[in-house]
Amino acid sequence: MKRLLDLILSIMAFTLILPLMIPVMLILRFTGEGEVFYLQQRVGKSGKNFGLMKFATMVKNSPNVGGGLLTQKNDPRILPFGKFLRKTKINELPQLINIIKGEMSIVGPRPQAVKHFEVFPEHVKKEIITLTPGLTGIGSIVFRDEETILHESGRPYDDFYNNVIAPYKGELEIWYKKNQSMILDLKLIFLTAWIILSPKSSLYKKILKNLPAVPLELKLY
């Protein structure tokens, strides 16, 4: 049932937003570095890698320039038009194609780059790969402003991500698996739209119950 709904909704959404995507593609093609799409290998269901699609928002070969895979606050690698696409989440829209292909779901654990997936504890990895990764999910909602958290931590980005953020992300995804239902998916879709309009909102804390306790090092943020 979930796959059927994913297919129906993603095709409908892709058809509706295509008029928006076409001008975005034209702007990207004729500005910045001329790249329209960015394809990055992510870990999917059963541990199989797939190419996650996004609109290009950063300079070419950005993982090998400066900050690596983690995006910094005010990252100089982000192109001018890319800032708008990232802020509005329009850069994520090409992932509807990943959903249509069956590589992703509308809601699920956020697919991780191989390097970041390997940071998860083994018990988390075993749980995550039993699910189809999602365009949105509990991890995307809680860490909607991950760049600011990394910046304000004052610690090296990789260190804070690997030892503080990643373990909690893993626990959130396990929470999702234990509580997975159509109702929960609808709540997460609503909350995703809500935080795009109100990024600083903490409404998710009122709607989602019994979330894993926030680690002390994250409570400040």
N, C-alpha and C. Protein backbone atom coordinates (compact mmCIF):
# COMPACT_ATOMS: atom_id res chain seq x y z
N MET A 1 0.83 -1.20 0.00
CA MET A 1 0.00 0.00 0.00
C MET A 1 0.87 1.26 0.00
N LYS A 2 1.93 1.25 0.82
CA LYS A 2 2.79 2.43 0.88
C LYS A 2 3.46 2.68 -0.46
N ARG A 3 3.93 1.62 -1.12
CA ARG A 3 4.58 1.78 -2.42
C ARG A 3 3.59 2.31 -3.45
N LEU A 4 2.36 1.84 -3.40
CA LEU A 4 1.34 2.29 -4.34
C LEU A 4 1.06 3.77 -4.14
N LEU A 5 0.92 4.19 -2.87
CA LEU A 5 0.68 5.61 -2.59
C LEU A 5 1.88 6.46 -2.98
N ASP A 6 3.09 5.96 -2.72
CA ASP A 6 4.30 6.68 -3.13
C ASP A 6 4.28 6.93 -4.64
N LEU A 7 3.93 5.90 -5.39
CA LEU A 7 3.94 5.99 -6.85
C LEU A 7 2.88 6.97 -7.34
N ILE A 8 1.68 6.85 -6.81
CA ILE A 8 0.59 7.73 -7.24
C ILE A 8 0.89 9.19 -6.88
N LEU A 9 1.28 9.41 -5.62
CA LEU A 9 1.52 10.79 -5.15
C LEU A 9 2.73 11.43 -5.82
N SER A 10 3.79 10.64 -6.02
CA SER A 10 5.00 11.21 -6.64
C SER A 10 4.76 11.56 -8.11
N ILE A 11 4.01 10.72 -8.82
CA ILE A 11 3.70 11.03 -10.22
C ILE A 11 2.82 12.28 -10.31
N MET A 12 1.82 12.35 -9.42
CA MET A 12 0.95 13.53 -9.39
C MET A 12 1.76 14.78 -9.06
N ALA A 13 2.62 14.69 -8.05
CA ALA A 13 3.42 15.85 -7.63
C ALA A 13 4.38 16.27 -8.74
N PHE A 14 5.02 15.28 -9.37
CA PHE A 14 5.97 15.59 -10.45
C PHE A 14 5.25 16.30 -11.60
N THR A 15 4.05 15.85 -11.93
CA THR A 15 3.29 16.47 -13.01
C THR A 15 2.91 17.91 -12.66
N LEU A 16 2.51 18.12 -11.41
CA LEU A 16 2.08 19.45 -10.98
C LEU A 16 3.23 20.45 -10.90
N ILE A 17 4.41 19.97 -10.44
CA ILE A 17 5.52 20.92 -10.23
C ILE A 17 6.45 21.02 -11.44
N LEU A 18 6.19 20.25 -12.48
CA LEU A 18 7.05 20.32 -13.67
C LEU A 18 7.14 21.74 -14.22
N PRO A 19 6.02 22.51 -14.25
CA PRO A 19 6.14 23.90 -14.72
C PRO A 19 7.09 24.74 -13.86
N LEU A 20 7.25 24.39 -12.59
CA LEU A 20 8.21 25.08 -11.72
C LEU A 20 9.63 24.59 -11.98
N MET A 21 9.78 23.30 -12.22
CA MET A 21 11.11 22.72 -12.38
C MET A 21 11.78 23.17 -13.68
N ILE A 22 10.99 23.39 -14.72
CA ILE A 22 11.57 23.77 -16.02
C ILE A 22 12.32 25.10 -15.93
N PRO A 23 11.72 26.17 -15.39
CA PRO A 23 12.50 27.42 -15.26
C PRO A 23 13.70 27.28 -14.33
N VAL A 24 13.57 26.46 -13.28
CA VAL A 24 14.72 26.23 -12.38
C VAL A 24 15.86 25.59 -13.17
N MET A 25 15.54 24.59 -13.99
CA MET A 25 16.56 23.92 -14.79
C MET A 25 17.22 24.89 -15.78
N LEU A 26 16.41 25.78 -16.36
CA LEU A 26 16.96 26.75 -17.32
C LEU A 26 17.89 27.74 -16.62
N ILE A 27 17.48 28.21 -15.43
CA ILE A 27 18.33 29.14 -14.68
C ILE A 27 19.65 28.48 -14.31
N LEU A 28 19.58 27.23 -13.84
CA LEU A 28 20.81 26.52 -13.47
C LEU A 28 21.71 26.29 -14.69
N ARG A 29 21.07 25.99 -15.81
CA ARG A 29 21.86 25.70 -17.02
C ARG A 29 22.63 26.93 -17.50
N PHE A 30 22.05 28.11 -17.33
CA PHE A 30 22.67 29.31 -17.90
C PHE A 30 23.26 30.25 -16.86
N THR A 31 23.35 29.78 -15.60
CA THR A 31 24.03 30.57 -14.56
C THR A 31 24.99 29.66 -13.81
N GLY A 32 25.71 30.23 -12.86
CA GLY A 32 26.63 29.43 -12.05
C GLY A 32 27.62 28.68 -12.92
N GLU A 33 27.69 27.37 -12.73
CA GLU A 33 28.64 26.56 -13.49
C GLU A 33 27.94 25.72 -14.55
N GLY A 34 26.66 25.99 -14.79
CA GLY A 34 25.96 25.33 -15.89
C GLY A 34 25.46 23.93 -15.59
N GLU A 35 25.63 23.48 -14.35
CA GLU A 35 25.16 22.15 -13.97
C GLU A 35 23.70 22.23 -13.51
N VAL A 36 22.87 21.28 -13.95
CA VAL A 36 21.46 21.27 -13.57
C VAL A 36 21.21 20.32 -12.41
N PHE A 37 21.72 19.10 -12.52
CA PHE A 37 21.49 18.10 -11.49
C PHE A 37 22.80 17.69 -10.81
N TYR A 38 22.64 17.27 -9.56
CA TYR A 38 23.76 16.72 -8.80
C TYR A 38 23.37 15.33 -8.35
N LEU A 39 24.20 14.36 -8.66
CA LEU A 39 23.92 12.96 -8.32
C LEU A 39 24.94 12.50 -7.30
N GLN A 40 24.44 12.02 -6.15
CA GLN A 40 25.34 11.56 -5.10
C GLN A 40 24.95 10.15 -4.66
N GLN A 41 25.94 9.29 -4.49
CA GLN A 41 25.67 7.92 -4.03
C GLN A 41 25.23 7.92 -2.57
N ARG A 42 24.08 7.32 -2.32
CA ARG A 42 23.54 7.18 -0.97
C ARG A 42 23.23 5.71 -0.71
N VAL A 43 23.14 5.36 0.56
CA VAL A 43 22.84 3.98 0.95
C VAL A 43 21.33 3.81 1.03
N GLY A 44 20.81 2.84 0.28
CA GLY A 44 19.38 2.60 0.24
C GLY A 44 18.97 1.33 0.95
N LYS A 45 17.78 0.85 0.62
CA LYS A 45 17.25 -0.35 1.25
C LYS A 45 18.15 -1.55 0.96
N SER A 46 18.29 -2.41 1.95
CA SER A 46 19.15 -3.60 1.87
C SER A 46 20.63 -3.24 1.72
N GLY A 47 20.98 -1.98 2.01
CA GLY A 47 22.37 -1.56 1.94
C GLY A 47 22.88 -1.31 0.54
N LYS A 48 21.97 -1.29 -0.45
CA LYS A 48 22.38 -1.05 -1.83
C LYS A 48 22.48 0.44 -2.10
N ASN A 49 23.54 0.85 -2.78
CA ASN A 49 23.73 2.26 -3.10
C ASN A 49 22.88 2.65 -4.31
N PHE A 50 22.46 3.92 -4.33
CA PHE A 50 21.74 4.46 -5.48
C PHE A 50 22.13 5.92 -5.65
N GLY A 51 21.85 6.47 -6.80
CA GLY A 51 22.20 7.86 -7.08
C GLY A 51 21.06 8.79 -6.71
N LEU A 52 21.21 9.51 -5.59
CA LEU A 52 20.19 10.46 -5.15
C LEU A 52 20.30 11.73 -5.99
N MET A 53 19.16 12.22 -6.50
CA MET A 53 19.14 13.38 -7.39
C MET A 53 18.76 14.65 -6.64
N LYS A 54 19.49 15.70 -6.94
CA LYS A 54 19.15 17.04 -6.45
C LYS A 54 19.44 18.04 -7.55
N PHE A 55 18.82 19.22 -7.45
CA PHE A 55 19.27 20.30 -8.30
C PHE A 55 20.64 20.75 -7.80
N ALA A 56 21.52 21.09 -8.71
CA ALA A 56 22.88 21.51 -8.35
C ALA A 56 22.82 22.87 -7.65
N THR A 57 23.38 22.93 -6.45
CA THR A 57 23.38 24.18 -5.69
C THR A 57 24.79 24.62 -5.29
N MET A 58 25.78 23.75 -5.55
CA MET A 58 27.14 24.06 -5.14
C MET A 58 28.09 23.95 -6.33
N VAL A 59 29.30 24.41 -6.14
CA VAL A 59 30.30 24.34 -7.20
C VAL A 59 30.60 22.87 -7.53
N LYS A 60 31.09 22.64 -8.72
CA LYS A 60 31.41 21.28 -9.15
C LYS A 60 32.43 20.64 -8.21
N ASN A 61 32.27 19.34 -8.02
CA ASN A 61 33.21 18.59 -7.20
C ASN A 61 33.32 19.15 -5.79
N SER A 62 32.21 19.68 -5.26
CA SER A 62 32.24 20.35 -3.96
C SER A 62 32.69 19.45 -2.80
N PRO A 63 32.39 18.11 -2.79
CA PRO A 63 32.87 17.30 -1.66
C PRO A 63 34.38 17.27 -1.52
N ASN A 64 35.08 17.55 -2.64
CA ASN A 64 36.54 17.54 -2.61
C ASN A 64 37.13 18.94 -2.49
N VAL A 65 36.23 19.91 -2.23
CA VAL A 65 36.67 21.30 -2.10
C VAL A 65 36.24 21.82 -0.74
N GLY A 66 37.15 22.08 0.15
CA GLY A 66 36.80 22.68 1.43
C GLY A 66 36.20 21.72 2.42
N GLY A 67 34.90 21.91 2.74
CA GLY A 67 34.27 21.23 3.86
C GLY A 67 33.85 19.80 3.67
N GLY A 68 34.18 19.18 2.55
CA GLY A 68 33.83 17.78 2.35
C GLY A 68 32.33 17.59 2.16
N LEU A 69 31.77 16.49 2.71
CA LEU A 69 30.36 16.18 2.51
C LEU A 69 29.44 17.04 3.36
N LEU A 70 29.94 17.56 4.48
CA LEU A 70 29.10 18.37 5.36
C LEU A 70 29.07 19.81 4.85
N THR A 71 27.86 20.34 4.76
CA THR A 71 27.71 21.73 4.32
C THR A 71 27.77 22.65 5.52
N GLN A 72 28.58 23.69 5.42
CA GLN A 72 28.77 24.64 6.51
C GLN A 72 27.77 25.78 6.40
N LYS A 73 27.55 26.48 7.51
CA LYS A 73 26.74 27.68 7.47
C LYS A 73 27.46 28.73 6.63
N ASN A 74 26.73 29.36 5.72
CA ASN A 74 27.31 30.34 4.79
C ASN A 74 28.45 29.72 4.00
N ASP A 75 28.27 28.47 3.61
CA ASP A 75 29.30 27.74 2.88
C ASP A 75 29.64 28.45 1.57
N PRO A 76 30.89 28.81 1.35
CA PRO A 76 31.27 29.54 0.13
C PRO A 76 31.12 28.71 -1.14
N ARG A 77 30.94 27.39 -0.99
CA ARG A 77 30.76 26.54 -2.17
C ARG A 77 29.36 26.62 -2.75
N ILE A 78 28.41 27.18 -1.98
CA ILE A 78 27.03 27.28 -2.44
C ILE A 78 26.91 28.43 -3.43
N LEU A 79 26.32 28.16 -4.59
CA LEU A 79 26.14 29.17 -5.62
C LEU A 79 24.99 30.11 -5.22
N PRO A 80 24.98 31.35 -5.76
CA PRO A 80 23.95 32.32 -5.38
C PRO A 80 22.52 31.79 -5.52
N PHE A 81 22.16 31.24 -6.68
CA PHE A 81 20.81 30.70 -6.87
C PHE A 81 20.62 29.46 -6.00
N GLY A 82 21.70 28.77 -5.72
CA GLY A 82 21.63 27.57 -4.89
C GLY A 82 21.16 27.88 -3.49
N LYS A 83 21.49 29.06 -2.95
CA LYS A 83 21.04 29.44 -1.61
C LYS A 83 19.52 29.46 -1.54
N PHE A 84 18.89 30.02 -2.58
CA PHE A 84 17.42 30.07 -2.63
C PHE A 84 16.84 28.67 -2.73
N LEU A 85 17.43 27.84 -3.58
CA LEU A 85 16.92 26.48 -3.76
C LEU A 85 17.02 25.67 -2.48
N ARG A 86 18.10 25.83 -1.74
CA ARG A 86 18.28 25.08 -0.50
C ARG A 86 17.35 25.57 0.59
N LYS A 87 17.18 26.89 0.68
CA LYS A 87 16.32 27.46 1.72
C LYS A 87 14.87 27.02 1.54
N THR A 88 14.41 26.97 0.30
CA THR A 88 13.02 26.59 0.01
C THR A 88 12.84 25.09 -0.16
N LYS A 89 13.96 24.33 -0.14
CA LYS A 89 13.95 22.88 -0.34
C LYS A 89 13.60 22.48 -1.78
N ILE A 90 13.57 23.47 -2.69
CA ILE A 90 13.29 23.14 -4.09
C ILE A 90 14.37 22.24 -4.66
N ASN A 91 15.58 22.34 -4.10
CA ASN A 91 16.69 21.51 -4.60
C ASN A 91 16.42 20.02 -4.41
N GLU A 92 15.47 19.66 -3.53
CA GLU A 92 15.17 18.26 -3.25
C GLU A 92 14.14 17.67 -4.22
N LEU A 93 13.47 18.51 -5.01
CA LEU A 93 12.36 18.04 -5.84
C LEU A 93 12.72 16.93 -6.84
N PRO A 94 13.93 16.94 -7.43
CA PRO A 94 14.25 15.85 -8.36
C PRO A 94 14.20 14.46 -7.73
N GLN A 95 14.19 14.38 -6.40
CA GLN A 95 14.10 13.08 -5.75
C GLN A 95 12.75 12.41 -5.97
N LEU A 96 11.79 13.16 -6.51
CA LEU A 96 10.53 12.53 -6.92
C LEU A 96 10.81 11.46 -7.97
N ILE A 97 11.84 11.67 -8.77
CA ILE A 97 12.23 10.66 -9.77
C ILE A 97 12.76 9.42 -9.07
N ASN A 98 13.54 9.61 -8.00
CA ASN A 98 14.01 8.46 -7.20
C ASN A 98 12.83 7.69 -6.61
N ILE A 99 11.78 8.40 -6.21
CA ILE A 99 10.60 7.74 -5.64
C ILE A 99 9.87 6.95 -6.72
N ILE A 100 9.69 7.56 -7.88
CA ILE A 100 9.02 6.87 -8.99
C ILE A 100 9.78 5.60 -9.38
N LYS A 101 11.11 5.66 -9.33
CA LYS A 101 11.94 4.50 -9.67
C LYS A 101 11.93 3.43 -8.58
N GLY A 102 11.40 3.76 -7.40
CA GLY A 102 11.35 2.79 -6.31
C GLY A 102 12.58 2.80 -5.42
N GLU A 103 13.49 3.75 -5.63
CA GLU A 103 14.71 3.84 -4.81
C GLU A 103 14.45 4.55 -3.49
N MET A 104 13.38 5.35 -3.47
CA MET A 104 13.04 6.11 -2.27
C MET A 104 11.54 6.06 -2.04
N SER A 105 11.15 6.50 -0.84
CA SER A 105 9.75 6.66 -0.48
C SER A 105 9.52 8.12 -0.16
N ILE A 106 8.27 8.55 -0.03
CA ILE A 106 8.02 9.93 0.37
C ILE A 106 8.50 10.14 1.80
N VAL A 107 8.21 9.19 2.68
CA VAL A 107 8.62 9.28 4.09
C VAL A 107 9.46 8.06 4.45
N GLY A 108 10.55 8.29 5.14
CA GLY A 108 11.42 7.19 5.56
C GLY A 108 12.70 7.76 6.14
N PRO A 109 13.64 6.92 6.52
CA PRO A 109 14.93 7.41 7.01
C PRO A 109 15.64 8.19 5.90
N ARG A 110 16.23 9.29 6.24
CA ARG A 110 16.95 10.07 5.22
C ARG A 110 18.14 9.27 4.74
N PRO A 111 18.27 9.06 3.40
CA PRO A 111 19.40 8.27 2.89
C PRO A 111 20.72 8.98 3.14
N GLN A 112 21.69 8.24 3.64
CA GLN A 112 22.98 8.81 4.01
C GLN A 112 24.04 8.52 2.96
N ALA A 113 24.97 9.46 2.81
CA ALA A 113 26.17 9.16 2.02
C ALA A 113 26.91 8.01 2.71
N VAL A 114 27.63 7.24 1.94
CA VAL A 114 28.30 6.05 2.48
C VAL A 114 29.15 6.39 3.69
N LYS A 115 29.89 7.48 3.61
CA LYS A 115 30.77 7.89 4.71
C LYS A 115 29.97 8.13 5.99
N HIS A 116 28.81 8.77 5.89
CA HIS A 116 28.01 9.08 7.06
C HIS A 116 27.23 7.86 7.54
N PHE A 117 26.86 6.98 6.64
CA PHE A 117 26.17 5.75 7.04
C PHE A 117 27.07 4.90 7.92
N GLU A 118 28.34 4.85 7.58
CA GLU A 118 29.29 4.02 8.32
C GLU A 118 29.51 4.52 9.75
N VAL A 119 29.14 5.77 10.02
CA VAL A 119 29.30 6.33 11.37
C VAL A 119 28.26 5.74 12.33
N PHE A 120 27.11 5.32 11.80
CA PHE A 120 26.05 4.78 12.66
C PHE A 120 26.53 3.51 13.38
N PRO A 121 26.08 3.31 14.62
CA PRO A 121 26.36 2.04 15.30
C PRO A 121 25.76 0.88 14.50
N GLU A 122 26.29 -0.31 14.67
CA GLU A 122 25.86 -1.46 13.89
C GLU A 122 24.37 -1.75 14.04
N HIS A 123 23.83 -1.62 15.27
CA HIS A 123 22.42 -1.94 15.46
C HIS A 123 21.53 -0.96 14.71
N VAL A 124 22.00 0.29 14.55
CA VAL A 124 21.23 1.29 13.80
C VAL A 124 21.27 0.96 12.31
N LYS A 125 22.44 0.63 11.79
CA LYS A 125 22.57 0.29 10.38
C LYS A 125 21.67 -0.88 10.00
N LYS A 126 21.62 -1.89 10.85
CA LYS A 126 20.80 -3.07 10.57
C LYS A 126 19.32 -2.72 10.47
N GLU A 127 18.88 -1.77 11.29
CA GLU A 127 17.48 -1.36 11.28
C GLU A 127 17.17 -0.48 10.06
N ILE A 128 18.04 0.47 9.79
CA ILE A 128 17.78 1.44 8.73
C ILE A 128 17.67 0.77 7.36
N ILE A 129 18.52 -0.19 7.08
CA ILE A 129 18.52 -0.79 5.73
C ILE A 129 17.33 -1.70 5.49
N THR A 130 16.49 -1.90 6.50
CA THR A 130 15.26 -2.67 6.26
C THR A 130 14.16 -1.78 5.72
N LEU A 131 14.39 -0.46 5.70
CA LEU A 131 13.38 0.49 5.25
C LEU A 131 13.82 1.18 3.97
N THR A 132 12.85 1.61 3.18
CA THR A 132 13.15 2.41 2.00
C THR A 132 13.40 3.84 2.45
N PRO A 133 14.52 4.43 2.06
CA PRO A 133 14.82 5.80 2.50
C PRO A 133 13.80 6.80 1.97
N GLY A 134 13.66 7.93 2.68
CA GLY A 134 12.60 8.87 2.35
C GLY A 134 13.07 10.24 1.90
N LEU A 135 12.19 10.89 1.16
CA LEU A 135 12.39 12.29 0.77
C LEU A 135 12.37 13.17 2.02
N THR A 136 11.53 12.78 2.97
CA THR A 136 11.51 13.46 4.27
C THR A 136 11.34 12.40 5.35
N GLY A 137 11.47 12.83 6.60
CA GLY A 137 11.36 11.89 7.71
C GLY A 137 11.66 12.60 9.01
N ILE A 138 11.64 11.87 10.09
CA ILE A 138 11.85 12.46 11.40
C ILE A 138 13.23 13.11 11.51
N GLY A 139 14.26 12.49 10.95
CA GLY A 139 15.60 13.07 10.99
C GLY A 139 15.68 14.40 10.26
N SER A 140 15.01 14.49 9.11
CA SER A 140 15.01 15.72 8.33
C SER A 140 14.31 16.86 9.08
N ILE A 141 13.28 16.51 9.84
CA ILE A 141 12.52 17.52 10.58
C ILE A 141 13.30 18.03 11.79
N VAL A 142 13.81 17.11 12.59
CA VAL A 142 14.54 17.50 13.80
C VAL A 142 15.82 18.25 13.45
N PHE A 143 16.52 17.79 12.41
CA PHE A 143 17.79 18.42 12.02
C PHE A 143 17.62 19.27 10.76
N ARG A 144 16.52 20.02 10.72
CA ARG A 144 16.23 20.86 9.54
C ARG A 144 17.27 21.97 9.37
N ASP A 145 17.95 22.35 10.46
CA ASP A 145 18.97 23.41 10.38
C ASP A 145 20.30 22.88 10.89
N GLU A 146 20.69 21.75 10.35
CA GLU A 146 21.91 21.08 10.80
C GLU A 146 23.15 21.95 10.61
N GLU A 147 23.17 22.74 9.55
CA GLU A 147 24.33 23.58 9.28
C GLU A 147 24.58 24.55 10.43
N THR A 148 23.50 25.15 10.97
CA THR A 148 23.66 26.09 12.08
C THR A 148 24.12 25.38 13.35
N ILE A 149 23.58 24.18 13.59
CA ILE A 149 23.98 23.41 14.78
C ILE A 149 25.48 23.11 14.72
N LEU A 150 25.93 22.65 13.58
CA LEU A 150 27.36 22.35 13.41
C LEU A 150 28.21 23.60 13.64
N HIS A 151 27.74 24.71 13.11
CA HIS A 151 28.50 25.96 13.24
C HIS A 151 28.58 26.42 14.69
N GLU A 152 27.43 26.36 15.39
CA GLU A 152 27.37 26.88 16.75
C GLU A 152 28.00 25.95 17.78
N SER A 153 28.26 24.71 17.40
CA SER A 153 28.88 23.77 18.34
C SER A 153 30.29 24.19 18.72
N GLY A 154 30.97 24.88 17.80
CA GLY A 154 32.33 25.32 18.06
C GLY A 154 33.36 24.20 17.94
N ARG A 155 32.90 23.02 17.58
CA ARG A 155 33.81 21.87 17.43
C ARG A 155 34.03 21.58 15.95
N PRO A 156 35.09 20.84 15.60
CA PRO A 156 35.25 20.44 14.20
C PRO A 156 33.99 19.75 13.71
N TYR A 157 33.55 20.09 12.51
CA TYR A 157 32.27 19.60 12.00
C TYR A 157 32.19 18.08 12.01
N ASP A 158 33.21 17.42 11.50
CA ASP A 158 33.18 15.95 11.42
C ASP A 158 33.09 15.33 12.82
N ASP A 159 33.80 15.91 13.76
CA ASP A 159 33.80 15.39 15.12
C ASP A 159 32.41 15.50 15.75
N PHE A 160 31.80 16.68 15.65
CA PHE A 160 30.49 16.89 16.27
C PHE A 160 29.42 16.06 15.56
N TYR A 161 29.51 15.97 14.24
CA TYR A 161 28.53 15.18 13.50
C TYR A 161 28.64 13.70 13.87
N ASN A 162 29.85 13.17 13.80
CA ASN A 162 30.05 11.73 14.01
C ASN A 162 29.72 11.29 15.42
N ASN A 163 30.03 12.13 16.41
CA ASN A 163 29.91 11.71 17.80
C ASN A 163 28.66 12.21 18.53
N VAL A 164 27.99 13.20 17.96
CA VAL A 164 26.81 13.75 18.63
C VAL A 164 25.56 13.66 17.75
N ILE A 165 25.64 14.23 16.55
CA ILE A 165 24.45 14.27 15.68
C ILE A 165 24.08 12.90 15.13
N ALA A 166 25.06 12.19 14.55
CA ALA A 166 24.76 10.91 13.92
C ALA A 166 24.13 9.88 14.88
N PRO A 167 24.66 9.71 16.10
CA PRO A 167 24.02 8.75 17.00
C PRO A 167 22.57 9.08 17.30
N TYR A 168 22.26 10.38 17.47
CA TYR A 168 20.87 10.75 17.76
C TYR A 168 19.99 10.57 16.52
N LYS A 169 20.54 10.89 15.36
CA LYS A 169 19.79 10.65 14.12
C LYS A 169 19.42 9.18 14.02
N GLY A 170 20.37 8.32 14.35
CA GLY A 170 20.11 6.89 14.30
C GLY A 170 18.98 6.47 15.21
N GLU A 171 18.97 7.02 16.43
CA GLU A 171 17.91 6.69 17.39
C GLU A 171 16.55 7.19 16.90
N LEU A 172 16.54 8.36 16.24
CA LEU A 172 15.30 8.88 15.69
C LEU A 172 14.75 7.96 14.59
N GLU A 173 15.64 7.43 13.76
CA GLU A 173 15.19 6.55 12.68
C GLU A 173 14.67 5.22 13.24
N ILE A 174 15.28 4.73 14.30
CA ILE A 174 14.77 3.51 14.94
C ILE A 174 13.39 3.78 15.55
N TRP A 175 13.23 4.97 16.14
CA TRP A 175 11.91 5.37 16.65
C TRP A 175 10.88 5.35 15.55
N TYR A 176 11.27 5.87 14.37
CA TYR A 176 10.33 5.88 13.24
C TYR A 176 9.93 4.46 12.87
N LYS A 177 10.89 3.56 12.79
CA LYS A 177 10.57 2.19 12.41
C LYS A 177 9.61 1.54 13.41
N LYS A 178 9.84 1.77 14.69
CA LYS A 178 9.00 1.16 15.71
C LYS A 178 7.57 1.70 15.69
N ASN A 179 7.43 2.95 15.25
CA ASN A 179 6.12 3.60 15.29
C ASN A 179 5.51 3.80 13.90
N GLN A 180 6.12 3.19 12.90
CA GLN A 180 5.71 3.42 11.52
C GLN A 180 4.24 3.11 11.30
N SER A 181 3.54 4.05 10.66
CA SER A 181 2.13 3.87 10.30
C SER A 181 1.77 4.92 9.26
N MET A 182 0.64 4.76 8.60
CA MET A 182 0.20 5.74 7.63
C MET A 182 -0.08 7.08 8.31
N ILE A 183 -0.64 7.03 9.51
CA ILE A 183 -0.93 8.26 10.25
C ILE A 183 0.36 9.01 10.57
N LEU A 184 1.39 8.29 11.01
CA LEU A 184 2.66 8.93 11.32
C LEU A 184 3.26 9.55 10.07
N ASP A 185 3.20 8.84 8.95
CA ASP A 185 3.73 9.38 7.70
C ASP A 185 3.02 10.69 7.32
N LEU A 186 1.70 10.73 7.49
CA LEU A 186 0.94 11.94 7.18
C LEU A 186 1.36 13.09 8.11
N LYS A 187 1.59 12.78 9.38
CA LYS A 187 2.06 13.79 10.32
C LYS A 187 3.42 14.35 9.89
N LEU A 188 4.32 13.46 9.46
CA LEU A 188 5.66 13.90 9.06
C LEU A 188 5.62 14.72 7.78
N ILE A 189 4.71 14.39 6.87
CA ILE A 189 4.55 15.19 5.65
C ILE A 189 4.05 16.58 6.02
N PHE A 190 3.06 16.64 6.90
CA PHE A 190 2.53 17.94 7.35
C PHE A 190 3.63 18.76 8.02
N LEU A 191 4.39 18.13 8.92
CA LEU A 191 5.44 18.85 9.64
C LEU A 191 6.54 19.34 8.71
N THR A 192 6.82 18.57 7.67
CA THR A 192 7.82 18.99 6.68
C THR A 192 7.38 20.29 6.01
N ALA A 193 6.12 20.33 5.57
CA ALA A 193 5.59 21.55 4.96
C ALA A 193 5.59 22.70 5.96
N TRP A 194 5.27 22.39 7.21
CA TRP A 194 5.19 23.42 8.25
C TRP A 194 6.54 24.08 8.50
N ILE A 195 7.59 23.28 8.60
CA ILE A 195 8.89 23.86 8.93
C ILE A 195 9.51 24.61 7.75
N ILE A 196 9.05 24.33 6.53
CA ILE A 196 9.50 25.13 5.38
C ILE A 196 8.95 26.54 5.53
N LEU A 197 7.70 26.65 6.01
CA LEU A 197 7.07 27.95 6.20
C LEU A 197 7.50 28.61 7.50
N SER A 198 7.80 27.77 8.52
CA SER A 198 8.19 28.30 9.83
C SER A 198 9.39 27.52 10.36
N PRO A 199 10.58 27.80 9.84
CA PRO A 199 11.77 27.00 10.14
C PRO A 199 12.12 26.87 11.62
N LYS A 200 11.78 27.86 12.43
CA LYS A 200 12.16 27.84 13.84
C LYS A 200 11.10 27.19 14.73
N SER A 201 10.03 26.71 14.13
CA SER A 201 8.94 26.12 14.90
C SER A 201 9.36 24.81 15.56
N SER A 202 8.83 24.59 16.75
CA SER A 202 9.07 23.32 17.45
C SER A 202 7.77 22.53 17.57
N LEU A 203 6.86 22.73 16.63
CA LEU A 203 5.56 22.08 16.65
C LEU A 203 5.68 20.56 16.70
N TYR A 204 6.74 20.03 16.09
CA TYR A 204 6.90 18.58 16.04
C TYR A 204 6.95 17.96 17.45
N LYS A 205 7.44 18.74 18.43
CA LYS A 205 7.54 18.23 19.80
C LYS A 205 6.16 18.00 20.41
N LYS A 206 5.17 18.77 19.94
CA LYS A 206 3.82 18.63 20.47
C LYS A 206 3.05 17.52 19.74
N ILE A 207 3.37 17.33 18.47
CA ILE A 207 2.63 16.36 17.66
C ILE A 207 3.19 14.95 17.79
N LEU A 208 4.52 14.84 17.88
CA LEU A 208 5.16 13.53 17.95
C LEU A 208 5.52 13.21 19.39
N LYS A 209 4.99 12.13 19.88
CA LYS A 209 5.18 11.78 21.28
C LYS A 209 6.28 10.72 21.45
N ASN A 210 6.89 10.74 22.64
CA ASN A 210 7.86 9.72 23.03
C ASN A 210 9.08 9.64 22.12
N LEU A 211 9.51 10.79 21.60
CA LEU A 211 10.74 10.81 20.82
C LEU A 211 11.92 10.47 21.74
N PRO A 212 13.00 9.90 21.20
CA PRO A 212 14.18 9.63 22.03
C PRO A 212 14.67 10.90 22.71
N ALA A 213 15.13 10.76 23.94
CA ALA A 213 15.62 11.92 24.69
C ALA A 213 16.78 12.59 23.96
N VAL A 214 16.76 13.90 23.93
CA VAL A 214 17.81 14.65 23.25
C VAL A 214 19.09 14.61 24.09
N PRO A 215 20.22 14.22 23.49
CA PRO A 215 21.49 14.21 24.24
C PRO A 215 21.82 15.59 24.81
N LEU A 216 22.47 15.61 25.94
CA LEU A 216 22.80 16.87 26.61
C LEU A 216 23.53 17.83 25.69
N GLU A 217 24.44 17.30 24.87
CA GLU A 217 25.25 18.16 24.00
C GLU A 217 24.43 18.81 22.89
N LEU A 218 23.21 18.29 22.65
CA LEU A 218 22.37 18.85 21.61
C LEU A 218 21.29 19.77 22.16
N LYS A 219 21.01 19.69 23.44
CA LYS A 219 19.91 20.45 24.01
C LYS A 219 20.07 21.95 23.82
N LEU A 220 21.30 22.41 23.79
CA LEU A 220 21.55 23.84 23.62
C LEU A 220 21.10 24.34 22.26
N TYR A 221 20.97 23.43 21.32
CA TYR A 221 20.71 23.86 19.94
C TYR A 221 19.30 23.51 19.49
